[in-house]
Amino acid sequence: AETAPKEPVSPYGLEKLSADHYCRLFAELYGVETVALRY
């Protein structure tokens, strides 16, 4: 589930997690409408 622990095991996973968090923060801080789709 989306609420599962996030412990990336590669730089790629960590990079996607960082960008995923940036999307959430831009929505919260600046009102940018963002949706992250975890393929």
Full PDB file with SEQRES, HELIX, SHEET, SSBOND, CRYST1, ORIGX, SCALE, CONECT and MASTER records, all heavy atoms in Angstrom:
SEQRES   1 A   39  ALA GLU THR ALA PRO LYS GLU PRO VAL SER PRO TYR GLY          
SEQRES   2 A   39  LEU GLU LYS LEU SER ALA ASP HIS TYR CYS ARG LEU PHE          
SEQRES   3 A   39  ALA GLU LEU TYR GLY VAL GLU THR VAL ALA LEU ARG TYR          
HELIX    1 AA1 PRO A   11  TYR A   30  1                                  20    
CRYST1    1.000    1.000    1.000  90.00  90.00  90.00 P 1           1          
ORIGX1      1.000000  0.000000  0.000000        0.00000                         
ORIGX2      0.000000  1.000000  0.000000        0.00000                         
ORIGX3      0.000000  0.000000  1.000000        0.00000                         
SCALE1      1.000000  0.000000  0.000000        0.00000                         
SCALE2      0.000000  1.000000  0.000000        0.00000                         
SCALE3      0.000000  0.000000  1.000000        0.00000                         
ATOM      1  N   ALA A   1       0.839  -1.199   0.000  1.00  0.00           N  
ATOM      2  CA  ALA A   1       0.000   0.000   0.000  1.00  0.00           C  
ATOM      3  C   ALA A   1       0.874   1.248   0.000  1.00  0.00           C  
ATOM      4  O   ALA A   1       2.075   1.190   0.310  1.00  0.00           O  
ATOM      5  CB  ALA A   1      -0.918  -0.004   1.213  1.00  0.00           C  
ATOM      6  N   GLU A   2       0.278   2.377  -0.327  1.00  0.00           N  
ATOM      7  CA  GLU A   2       1.022   3.636  -0.385  1.00  0.00           C  
ATOM      8  C   GLU A   2       1.619   4.020   0.972  1.00  0.00           C  
ATOM      9  O   GLU A   2       2.600   4.769   1.027  1.00  0.00           O  
ATOM     10  CB  GLU A   2       0.118   4.766  -0.882  1.00  0.00           C  
ATOM     11  CG  GLU A   2      -0.227   4.703  -2.352  1.00  0.00           C  
ATOM     12  CD  GLU A   2      -1.405   3.791  -2.678  1.00  0.00           C  
ATOM     13  OE1 GLU A   2      -1.931   3.115  -1.750  1.00  0.00           O  
ATOM     14  OE2 GLU A   2      -1.800   3.744  -3.853  1.00  0.00           O  
ATOM     15  N   THR A   3       1.025   3.524   2.044  1.00  0.00           N  
ATOM     16  CA  THR A   3       1.508   3.845   3.387  1.00  0.00           C  
ATOM     17  C   THR A   3       2.621   2.925   3.851  1.00  0.00           C  
ATOM     18  O   THR A   3       3.141   3.097   4.966  1.00  0.00           O  
ATOM     19  CB  THR A   3       0.338   3.755   4.384  1.00  0.00           C  
ATOM     20  OG1 THR A   3      -0.275   2.460   4.264  1.00  0.00           O  
ATOM     21  CG2 THR A   3      -0.691   4.839   4.116  1.00  0.00           C  
ATOM     22  N   ALA A   4       3.019   1.957   3.041  1.00  0.00           N  
ATOM     23  CA  ALA A   4       4.071   1.012   3.421  1.00  0.00           C  
ATOM     24  C   ALA A   4       5.391   1.741   3.652  1.00  0.00           C  
ATOM     25  O   ALA A   4       5.620   2.828   3.102  1.00  0.00           O  
ATOM     26  CB  ALA A   4       4.241  -0.047   2.335  1.00  0.00           C  
ATOM     27  N   PRO A   5       6.283   1.159   4.464  1.00  0.00           N  
ATOM     28  CA  PRO A   5       7.607   1.773   4.660  1.00  0.00           C  
ATOM     29  C   PRO A   5       8.331   1.969   3.340  1.00  0.00           C  
ATOM     30  O   PRO A   5       8.194   1.165   2.411  1.00  0.00           O  
ATOM     31  CB  PRO A   5       8.336   0.747   5.541  1.00  0.00           C  
ATOM     32  CG  PRO A   5       7.249   0.003   6.245  1.00  0.00           C  
ATOM     33  CD  PRO A   5       6.107  -0.062   5.269  1.00  0.00           C  
ATOM     34  N   LYS A   6       9.088   3.041   3.286  1.00  0.00           N  
ATOM     35  CA  LYS A   6       9.827   3.363   2.062  1.00  0.00           C  
ATOM     36  C   LYS A   6      11.311   3.319   2.373  1.00  0.00           C  
ATOM     37  O   LYS A   6      11.862   4.242   2.964  1.00  0.00           O  
ATOM     38  CB  LYS A   6       9.380   4.724   1.531  1.00  0.00           C  
ATOM     39  CG  LYS A   6       7.921   4.689   1.102  1.00  0.00           C  
ATOM     40  CD  LYS A   6       7.289   6.054   1.022  1.00  0.00           C  
ATOM     41  CE  LYS A   6       5.785   5.911   0.843  1.00  0.00           C  
ATOM     42  NZ  LYS A   6       5.114   5.372   2.064  1.00  0.00           N  
ATOM     43  N   GLU A   7      11.925   2.225   1.968  1.00  0.00           N  
ATOM     44  CA  GLU A   7      13.347   1.982   2.210  1.00  0.00           C  
ATOM     45  C   GLU A   7      14.008   1.579   0.896  1.00  0.00           C  
ATOM     46  O   GLU A   7      14.293   0.409   0.661  1.00  0.00           O  
ATOM     47  CB  GLU A   7      13.528   0.884   3.267  1.00  0.00           C  
ATOM     48  CG  GLU A   7      12.949   1.194   4.636  1.00  0.00           C  
ATOM     49  CD  GLU A   7      13.733   2.263   5.371  1.00  0.00           C  
ATOM     50  OE1 GLU A   7      14.887   2.531   4.973  1.00  0.00           O  
ATOM     51  OE2 GLU A   7      13.191   2.835   6.332  1.00  0.00           O  
ATOM     52  N   PRO A   8      14.259   2.545   0.005  1.00  0.00           N  
ATOM     53  CA  PRO A   8      14.831   2.205  -1.303  1.00  0.00           C  
ATOM     54  C   PRO A   8      16.155   1.469  -1.164  1.00  0.00           C  
ATOM     55  O   PRO A   8      16.932   1.734  -0.238  1.00  0.00           O  
ATOM     56  CB  PRO A   8      15.028   3.572  -1.966  1.00  0.00           C  
ATOM     57  CG  PRO A   8      14.100   4.498  -1.248  1.00  0.00           C  
ATOM     58  CD  PRO A   8      14.026   4.000   0.155  1.00  0.00           C  
ATOM     59  N   VAL A   9      16.404   0.563  -2.096  1.00  0.00           N  
ATOM     60  CA  VAL A   9      17.633  -0.230  -2.062  1.00  0.00           C  
ATOM     61  C   VAL A   9      18.564   0.133  -3.218  1.00  0.00           C  
ATOM     62  O   VAL A   9      19.546  -0.555  -3.456  1.00  0.00           O  
ATOM     63  CB  VAL A   9      17.310  -1.746  -2.087  1.00  0.00           C  
ATOM     64  CG1 VAL A   9      16.572  -2.148  -0.831  1.00  0.00           C  
ATOM     65  CG2 VAL A   9      16.504  -2.124  -3.329  1.00  0.00           C  
ATOM     66  N   SER A  10      18.262   1.211  -3.929  1.00  0.00           N  
ATOM     67  CA  SER A  10      19.112   1.671  -5.030  1.00  0.00           C  
ATOM     68  C   SER A  10      19.048   3.190  -5.095  1.00  0.00           C  
ATOM     69  O   SER A  10      18.085   3.798  -4.616  1.00  0.00           O  
ATOM     70  CB  SER A  10      18.625   1.095  -6.368  1.00  0.00           C  
ATOM     71  OG  SER A  10      17.349   1.631  -6.699  1.00  0.00           O  
ATOM     72  N   PRO A  11      20.063   3.828  -5.683  1.00  0.00           N  
ATOM     73  CA  PRO A  11      19.959   5.268  -5.907  1.00  0.00           C  
ATOM     74  C   PRO A  11      18.706   5.631  -6.702  1.00  0.00           C  
ATOM     75  O   PRO A  11      18.063   6.645  -6.414  1.00  0.00           O  
ATOM     76  CB  PRO A  11      21.240   5.589  -6.676  1.00  0.00           C  
ATOM     77  CG  PRO A  11      22.213   4.566  -6.208  1.00  0.00           C  
ATOM     78  CD  PRO A  11      21.395   3.309  -6.045  1.00  0.00           C  
ATOM     79  N   TYR A  12      18.342   4.808  -7.688  1.00  0.00           N  
ATOM     80  CA  TYR A  12      17.134   5.083  -8.475  1.00  0.00           C  
ATOM     81  C   TYR A  12      15.908   5.178  -7.574  1.00  0.00           C  
ATOM     82  O   TYR A  12      15.109   6.122  -7.677  1.00  0.00           O  
ATOM     83  CB  TYR A  12      16.934   3.992  -9.528  1.00  0.00           C  
ATOM     84  CG  TYR A  12      15.601   4.075 -10.243  1.00  0.00           C  
ATOM     85  CD1 TYR A  12      15.360   5.082 -11.174  1.00  0.00           C  
ATOM     86  CD2 TYR A  12      14.581   3.161  -9.969  1.00  0.00           C  
ATOM     87  CE1 TYR A  12      14.135   5.180 -11.821  1.00  0.00           C  
ATOM     88  CE2 TYR A  12      13.363   3.247 -10.620  1.00  0.00           C  
ATOM     89  CZ  TYR A  12      13.142   4.260 -11.545  1.00  0.00           C  
ATOM     90  OH  TYR A  12      11.918   4.352 -12.174  1.00  0.00           O  
ATOM     91  N   GLY A  13      15.728   4.212  -6.687  1.00  0.00           N  
ATOM     92  CA  GLY A  13      14.579   4.239  -5.787  1.00  0.00           C  
ATOM     93  C   GLY A  13      14.589   5.461  -4.887  1.00  0.00           C  
ATOM     94  O   GLY A  13      13.551   6.078  -4.638  1.00  0.00           O  
ATOM     95  N   LEU A  14      15.772   5.825  -4.395  1.00  0.00           N  
ATOM     96  CA  LEU A  14      15.883   7.003  -3.539  1.00  0.00           C  
ATOM     97  C   LEU A  14      15.601   8.273  -4.325  1.00  0.00           C  
ATOM     98  O   LEU A  14      14.956   9.206  -3.815  1.00  0.00           O  
ATOM     99  CB  LEU A  14      17.282   7.052  -2.921  1.00  0.00           C  
ATOM    100  CG  LEU A  14      17.552   8.206  -1.947  1.00  0.00           C  
ATOM    101  CD1 LEU A  14      16.551   8.188  -0.790  1.00  0.00           C  
ATOM    102  CD2 LEU A  14      18.973   8.131  -1.421  1.00  0.00           C  
ATOM    103  N   GLU A  15      16.054   8.310  -5.574  1.00  0.00           N  
ATOM    104  CA  GLU A  15      15.798   9.475  -6.422  1.00  0.00           C  
ATOM    105  C   GLU A  15      14.296   9.646  -6.675  1.00  0.00           C  
ATOM    106  O   GLU A  15      13.765  10.758  -6.586  1.00  0.00           O  
ATOM    107  CB  GLU A  15      16.554   9.319  -7.745  1.00  0.00           C  
ATOM    108  CG  GLU A  15      18.061   9.440  -7.605  1.00  0.00           C  
ATOM    109  CD  GLU A  15      18.844   8.725  -8.689  1.00  0.00           C  
ATOM    110  OE1 GLU A  15      18.231   8.304  -9.692  1.00  0.00           O  
ATOM    111  OE2 GLU A  15      20.069   8.581  -8.527  1.00  0.00           O  
ATOM    112  N   LYS A  16      13.627   8.560  -6.981  1.00  0.00           N  
ATOM    113  CA  LYS A  16      12.178   8.632  -7.206  1.00  0.00           C  
ATOM    114  C   LYS A  16      11.444   9.017  -5.931  1.00  0.00           C  
ATOM    115  O   LYS A  16      10.452   9.775  -5.974  1.00  0.00           O  
ATOM    116  CB  LYS A  16      11.659   7.300  -7.752  1.00  0.00           C  
ATOM    117  CG  LYS A  16      11.977   7.083  -9.223  1.00  0.00           C  
ATOM    118  CD  LYS A  16      11.258   8.095 -10.108  1.00  0.00           C  
ATOM    119  CE  LYS A  16      11.434   7.822 -11.575  1.00  0.00           C  
ATOM    120  NZ  LYS A  16      10.733   8.819 -12.419  1.00  0.00           N  
ATOM    121  N   LEU A  17      11.904   8.522  -4.788  1.00  0.00           N  
ATOM    122  CA  LEU A  17      11.273   8.892  -3.526  1.00  0.00           C  
ATOM    123  C   LEU A  17      11.468  10.378  -3.240  1.00  0.00           C  
ATOM    124  O   LEU A  17      10.536  11.065  -2.785  1.00  0.00           O  
ATOM    125  CB  LEU A  17      11.848   8.050  -2.392  1.00  0.00           C  
ATOM    126  CG  LEU A  17      11.268   8.317  -1.000  1.00  0.00           C  
ATOM    127  CD1 LEU A  17       9.756   8.096  -0.974  1.00  0.00           C  
ATOM    128  CD2 LEU A  17      11.957   7.440   0.047  1.00  0.00           C  
ATOM    129  N   SER A  18      12.662  10.893  -3.508  1.00  0.00           N  
ATOM    130  CA  SER A  18      12.919  12.324  -3.292  1.00  0.00           C  
ATOM    131  C   SER A  18      12.003  13.171  -4.165  1.00  0.00           C  
ATOM    132  O   SER A  18      11.392  14.148  -3.696  1.00  0.00           O  
ATOM    133  CB  SER A  18      14.383  12.651  -3.612  1.00  0.00           C  
ATOM    134  OG  SER A  18      15.259  11.956  -2.760  1.00  0.00           O  
ATOM    135  N   ALA A  19      11.883  12.805  -5.438  1.00  0.00           N  
ATOM    136  CA  ALA A  19      11.021  13.553  -6.352  1.00  0.00           C  
ATOM    137  C   ALA A  19       9.554  13.416  -5.958  1.00  0.00           C  
ATOM    138  O   ALA A  19       8.778  14.382  -6.056  1.00  0.00           O  
ATOM    139  CB  ALA A  19      11.247  13.062  -7.783  1.00  0.00           C  
ATOM    140  N   ASP A  20       9.174  12.243  -5.532  1.00  0.00           N  
ATOM    141  CA  ASP A  20       7.814  11.975  -5.037  1.00  0.00           C  
ATOM    142  C   ASP A  20       7.492  12.912  -3.870  1.00  0.00           C  
ATOM    143  O   ASP A  20       6.425  13.546  -3.807  1.00  0.00           O  
ATOM    144  CB  ASP A  20       7.785  10.506  -4.600  1.00  0.00           C  
ATOM    145  CG  ASP A  20       6.403   9.915  -4.399  1.00  0.00           C  
ATOM    146  OD1 ASP A  20       5.645  10.478  -3.600  1.00  0.00           O  
ATOM    147  OD2 ASP A  20       6.107   8.848  -4.981  1.00  0.00           O  
ATOM    148  N   HIS A  21       8.441  13.036  -2.939  1.00  0.00           N  
ATOM    149  CA  HIS A  21       8.257  13.946  -1.790  1.00  0.00           C  
ATOM    150  C   HIS A  21       8.217  15.406  -2.241  1.00  0.00           C  
ATOM    151  O   HIS A  21       7.453  16.211  -1.685  1.00  0.00           O  
ATOM    152  CB  HIS A  21       9.370  13.751  -0.769  1.00  0.00           C  
ATOM    153  CG  HIS A  21       9.198  12.564   0.119  1.00  0.00           C  
ATOM    154  ND1 HIS A  21       7.969  12.129   0.551  1.00  0.00           N  
ATOM    155  CD2 HIS A  21      10.105  11.721   0.677  1.00  0.00           C  
ATOM    156  CE1 HIS A  21       8.125  11.069   1.333  1.00  0.00           C  
ATOM    157  NE2 HIS A  21       9.415  10.797   1.415  1.00  0.00           N  
ATOM    158  N   TYR A  22       9.032  15.762  -3.211  1.00  0.00           N  
ATOM    159  CA  TYR A  22       8.993  17.131  -3.721  1.00  0.00           C  
ATOM    160  C   TYR A  22       7.605  17.472  -4.271  1.00  0.00           C  
ATOM    161  O   TYR A  22       7.105  18.593  -4.078  1.00  0.00           O  
ATOM    162  CB  TYR A  22      10.051  17.341  -4.807  1.00  0.00           C  
ATOM    163  CG  TYR A  22      11.344  17.937  -4.306  1.00  0.00           C  
ATOM    164  CD1 TYR A  22      12.550  17.268  -4.474  1.00  0.00           C  
ATOM    165  CD2 TYR A  22      11.353  19.183  -3.675  1.00  0.00           C  
ATOM    166  CE1 TYR A  22      13.748  17.819  -4.024  1.00  0.00           C  
ATOM    167  CE2 TYR A  22      12.541  19.741  -3.212  1.00  0.00           C  
ATOM    168  CZ  TYR A  22      13.737  19.052  -3.385  1.00  0.00           C  
ATOM    169  OH  TYR A  22      14.904  19.601  -2.929  1.00  0.00           O  
ATOM    170  N   CYS A  23       6.984  16.501  -4.940  1.00  0.00           N  
ATOM    171  CA  CYS A  23       5.629  16.741  -5.451  1.00  0.00           C  
ATOM    172  C   CYS A  23       4.664  17.055  -4.312  1.00  0.00           C  
ATOM    173  O   CYS A  23       3.856  17.989  -4.397  1.00  0.00           O  
ATOM    174  CB  CYS A  23       5.145  15.523  -6.238  1.00  0.00           C  
ATOM    175  SG  CYS A  23       5.953  15.301  -7.835  1.00  0.00           S  
ATOM    176  N   ARG A  24       4.744  16.273  -3.256  1.00  0.00           N  
ATOM    177  CA  ARG A  24       3.862  16.505  -2.107  1.00  0.00           C  
ATOM    178  C   ARG A  24       4.139  17.866  -1.476  1.00  0.00           C  
ATOM    179  O   ARG A  24       3.212  18.611  -1.142  1.00  0.00           O  
ATOM    180  CB  ARG A  24       4.063  15.389  -1.079  1.00  0.00           C  
ATOM    181  CG  ARG A  24       3.236  15.565   0.196  1.00  0.00           C  
ATOM    182  CD  ARG A  24       3.467  14.422   1.173  1.00  0.00           C  
ATOM    183  NE  ARG A  24       4.876  14.236   1.500  1.00  0.00           N  
ATOM    184  CZ  ARG A  24       5.529  14.976   2.393  1.00  0.00           C  
ATOM    185  NH1 ARG A  24       4.909  15.962   3.047  1.00  0.00           N  
ATOM    186  NH2 ARG A  24       6.807  14.743   2.660  1.00  0.00           N  
ATOM    187  N   LEU A  25       5.424  18.204  -1.321  1.00  0.00           N  
ATOM    188  CA  LEU A  25       5.770  19.483  -0.690  1.00  0.00           C  
ATOM    189  C   LEU A  25       5.334  20.673  -1.539  1.00  0.00           C  
ATOM    190  O   LEU A  25       4.871  21.688  -0.994  1.00  0.00           O  
ATOM    191  CB  LEU A  25       7.278  19.550  -0.441  1.00  0.00           C  
ATOM    192  CG  LEU A  25       7.786  18.798   0.791  1.00  0.00           C  
ATOM    193  CD1 LEU A  25       9.303  18.821   0.826  1.00  0.00           C  
ATOM    194  CD2 LEU A  25       7.220  19.402   2.065  1.00  0.00           C  
ATOM    195  N   PHE A  26       5.483  20.589  -2.849  1.00  0.00           N  
ATOM    196  CA  PHE A  26       5.050  21.694  -3.703  1.00  0.00           C  
ATOM    197  C   PHE A  26       3.535  21.884  -3.633  1.00  0.00           C  
ATOM    198  O   PHE A  26       3.040  23.013  -3.735  1.00  0.00           O  
ATOM    199  CB  PHE A  26       5.505  21.471  -5.146  1.00  0.00           C  
ATOM    200  CG  PHE A  26       6.790  22.165  -5.480  1.00  0.00           C  
ATOM    201  CD1 PHE A  26       7.977  21.771  -4.870  1.00  0.00           C  
ATOM    202  CD2 PHE A  26       6.828  23.219  -6.373  1.00  0.00           C  
ATOM    203  CE1 PHE A  26       9.172  22.406  -5.158  1.00  0.00           C  
ATOM    204  CE2 PHE A  26       8.016  23.868  -6.669  1.00  0.00           C  
ATOM    205  CZ  PHE A  26       9.205  23.465  -6.055  1.00  0.00           C  
ATOM    206  N   ALA A  27       2.811  20.799  -3.437  1.00  0.00           N  
ATOM    207  CA  ALA A  27       1.366  20.924  -3.250  1.00  0.00           C  
ATOM    208  C   ALA A  27       1.051  21.599  -1.923  1.00  0.00           C  
ATOM    209  O   ALA A  27       0.194  22.490  -1.849  1.00  0.00           O  
ATOM    210  CB  ALA A  27       0.707  19.545  -3.317  1.00  0.00           C  
ATOM    211  N   GLU A  28       1.748  21.198  -0.874  1.00  0.00           N  
ATOM    212  CA  GLU A  28       1.465  21.731   0.459  1.00  0.00           C  
ATOM    213  C   GLU A  28       1.966  23.163   0.635  1.00  0.00           C  
ATOM    214  O   GLU A  28       1.281  23.998   1.230  1.00  0.00           O  
ATOM    215  CB  GLU A  28       2.096  20.829   1.518  1.00  0.00           C  
ATOM    216  CG  GLU A  28       1.465  19.441   1.606  1.00  0.00           C  
ATOM    217  CD  GLU A  28       2.157  18.548   2.608  1.00  0.00           C  
ATOM    218  OE1 GLU A  28       3.170  18.980   3.210  1.00  0.00           O  
ATOM    219  OE2 GLU A  28       1.688  17.401   2.806  1.00  0.00           O  
ATOM    220  N   LEU A  29       3.159  23.443   0.125  1.00  0.00           N  
ATOM    221  CA  LEU A  29       3.772  24.747   0.366  1.00  0.00           C  
ATOM    222  C   LEU A  29       3.327  25.819  -0.620  1.00  0.00           C  
ATOM    223  O   LEU A  29       3.178  26.988  -0.253  1.00  0.00           O  
ATOM    224  CB  LEU A  29       5.303  24.625   0.297  1.00  0.00           C  
ATOM    225  CG  LEU A  29       5.982  23.801   1.392  1.00  0.00           C  
ATOM    226  CD1 LEU A  29       7.474  23.701   1.119  1.00  0.00           C  
ATOM    227  CD2 LEU A  29       5.735  24.419   2.767  1.00  0.00           C  
ATOM    228  N   TYR A  30       3.142  25.430  -1.885  1.00  0.00           N  
ATOM    229  CA  TYR A  30       2.919  26.414  -2.937  1.00  0.00           C  
ATOM    230  C   TYR A  30       1.580  26.264  -3.645  1.00  0.00           C  
ATOM    231  O   TYR A  30       1.268  27.060  -4.529  1.00  0.00           O  
ATOM    232  CB  TYR A  30       4.039  26.333  -3.986  1.00  0.00           C  
ATOM    233  CG  TYR A  30       5.431  26.389  -3.402  1.00  0.00           C  
ATOM    234  CD1 TYR A  30       6.327  25.345  -3.617  1.00  0.00           C  
ATOM    235  CD2 TYR A  30       5.853  27.483  -2.633  1.00  0.00           C  
ATOM    236  CE1 TYR A  30       7.608  25.384  -3.084  1.00  0.00           C  
ATOM    237  CE2 TYR A  30       7.133  27.521  -2.094  1.00  0.00           C  
ATOM    238  CZ  TYR A  30       8.005  26.472  -2.320  1.00  0.00           C  
ATOM    239  OH  TYR A  30       9.269  26.512  -1.796  1.00  0.00           O  
ATOM    240  N   GLY A  31       0.824  25.251  -3.283  1.00  0.00           N  
ATOM    241  CA  GLY A  31      -0.478  25.063  -3.924  1.00  0.00           C  
ATOM    242  C   GLY A  31      -0.412  24.520  -5.333  1.00  0.00           C  
ATOM    243  O   GLY A  31      -1.400  24.593  -6.079  1.00  0.00           O  
ATOM    244  N   VAL A  32       0.735  23.956  -5.725  1.00  0.00           N  
ATOM    245  CA  VAL A  32       0.841  23.333  -7.047  1.00  0.00           C  
ATOM    246  C   VAL A  32       0.073  22.007  -7.014  1.00  0.00           C  
ATOM    247  O   VAL A  32       0.282  21.176  -6.130  1.00  0.00           O  
ATOM    248  CB  VAL A  32       2.318  23.081  -7.432  1.00  0.00           C  
ATOM    249  CG1 VAL A  32       2.404  22.385  -8.792  1.00  0.00           C  
ATOM    250  CG2 VAL A  32       3.097  24.384  -7.452  1.00  0.00           C  
ATOM    251  N   GLU A  33      -0.819  21.822  -7.964  1.00  0.00           N  
ATOM    252  CA  GLU A  33      -1.564  20.566  -8.026  1.00  0.00           C  
ATOM    253  C   GLU A  33      -0.647  19.477  -8.565  1.00  0.00           C  
ATOM    254  O   GLU A  33      -0.206  19.546  -9.709  1.00  0.00           O  
ATOM    255  CB  GLU A  33      -2.800  20.720  -8.915  1.00  0.00           C  
ATOM    256  CG  GLU A  33      -3.827  21.684  -8.355  1.00  0.00           C  
ATOM    257  CD  GLU A  33      -5.080  21.756  -9.212  1.00  0.00           C  
ATOM    258  OE1 GLU A  33      -5.094  21.161 -10.311  1.00  0.00           O  
ATOM    259  OE2 GLU A  33      -6.045  22.416  -8.786  1.00  0.00           O  
ATOM    260  N   THR A  34      -0.340  18.503  -7.724  1.00  0.00           N  
ATOM    261  CA  THR A  34       0.548  17.416  -8.132  1.00  0.00           C  
ATOM    262  C   THR A  34      -0.109  16.073  -7.840  1.00  0.00           C  
ATOM    263  O   THR A  34      -0.880  15.932  -6.885  1.00  0.00           O  
ATOM    264  CB  THR A  34       1.894  17.465  -7.384  1.00  0.00           C  
ATOM    265  OG1 THR A  34       1.672  17.266  -5.984  1.00  0.00           O  
ATOM    266  CG2 THR A  34       2.606  18.790  -7.603  1.00  0.00           C  
ATOM    267  N   VAL A  35       0.212  15.102  -8.684  1.00  0.00           N  
ATOM    268  CA  VAL A  35      -0.196  13.713  -8.464  1.00  0.00           C  
ATOM    269  C   VAL A  35       0.994  12.841  -8.832  1.00  0.00           C  
ATOM    270  O   VAL A  35       1.523  12.949  -9.944  1.00  0.00           O  
ATOM    271  CB  VAL A  35      -1.413  13.309  -9.329  1.00  0.00           C  
ATOM    272  CG1 VAL A  35      -1.815  11.856  -9.026  1.00  0.00           C  
ATOM    273  CG2 VAL A  35      -2.587  14.252  -9.088  1.00  0.00           C  
ATOM    274  N   ALA A  36       1.432  12.000  -7.903  1.00  0.00           N  
ATOM    275  CA  ALA A  36       2.531  11.074  -8.163  1.00  0.00           C  
ATOM    276  C   ALA A  36       1.958   9.680  -8.399  1.00  0.00           C  
ATOM    277  O   ALA A  36       1.171   9.188  -7.592  1.00  0.00           O  
ATOM    278  CB  ALA A  36       3.507  11.057  -6.992  1.00  0.00           C  
ATOM    279  N   LEU A  37       2.344   9.078  -9.498  1.00  0.00           N  
ATOM    280  CA  LEU A  37       1.889   7.730  -9.839  1.00  0.00           C  
ATOM    281  C   LEU A  37       3.067   6.771  -9.708  1.00  0.00           C  
ATOM    282  O   LEU A  37       4.053   6.884 -10.448  1.00  0.00           O  
ATOM    283  CB  LEU A  37       1.348   7.699 -11.275  1.00  0.00           C  
ATOM    284  CG  LEU A  37       0.178   8.640 -11.565  1.00  0.00           C  
ATOM    285  CD1 LEU A  37      -0.232   8.517 -13.031  1.00  0.00           C  
ATOM    286  CD2 LEU A  37      -1.009   8.347 -10.651  1.00  0.00           C  
ATOM    287  N   ARG A  38       2.949   5.854  -8.763  1.00  0.00           N  
ATOM    288  CA  ARG A  38       4.032   4.902  -8.509  1.00  0.00           C  
ATOM    289  C   ARG A  38       3.832   3.669  -9.389  1.00  0.00           C  
ATOM    290  O   ARG A  38       3.105   2.750  -9.036  1.00  0.00           O  
ATOM    291  CB  ARG A  38       4.075   4.541  -7.026  1.00  0.00           C  
ATOM    292  CG  ARG A  38       4.452   5.732  -6.156  1.00  0.00           C  
ATOM    293  CD  ARG A  38       4.315   5.451  -4.680  1.00  0.00           C  
ATOM    294  NE  ARG A  38       4.640   6.649  -3.886  1.00  0.00           N  
ATOM    295  CZ  ARG A  38       4.306   6.833  -2.617  1.00  0.00           C  
ATOM    296  NH1 ARG A  38       3.640   5.877  -1.963  1.00  0.00           N  
ATOM    297  NH2 ARG A  38       4.625   7.945  -2.000  1.00  0.00           N  
ATOM    298  N   TYR A  39       4.498   3.692 -10.537  1.00  0.00           N  
ATOM    299  CA  TYR A  39       4.379   2.597 -11.494  1.00  0.00           C  
ATOM    300  C   TYR A  39       5.028   1.335 -10.939  1.00  0.00           C  
ATOM    301  O   TYR A  39       6.137   1.381 -10.392  1.00  0.00           O  
ATOM    302  CB  TYR A  39       5.090   2.918 -12.811  1.00  0.00           C  
ATOM    303  CG  TYR A  39       4.636   4.146 -13.563  1.00  0.00           C  
ATOM    304  CD1 TYR A  39       5.425   4.654 -14.591  1.00  0.00           C  
ATOM    305  CD2 TYR A  39       3.435   4.797 -13.278  1.00  0.00           C  
ATOM    306  CE1 TYR A  39       5.045   5.765 -15.320  1.00  0.00           C  
ATOM    307  CE2 TYR A  39       3.040   5.913 -14.013  1.00  0.00           C  
ATOM    308  CZ  TYR A  39       3.858   6.396 -15.024  1.00  0.00           C  
ATOM    309  OH  TYR A  39       3.475   7.495 -15.746  1.00  0.00           O  
TER     310      TYR A  39                                                      
MASTER        0    0    0    1    0    0    0    6  309    1    0    3          
END                                                                             
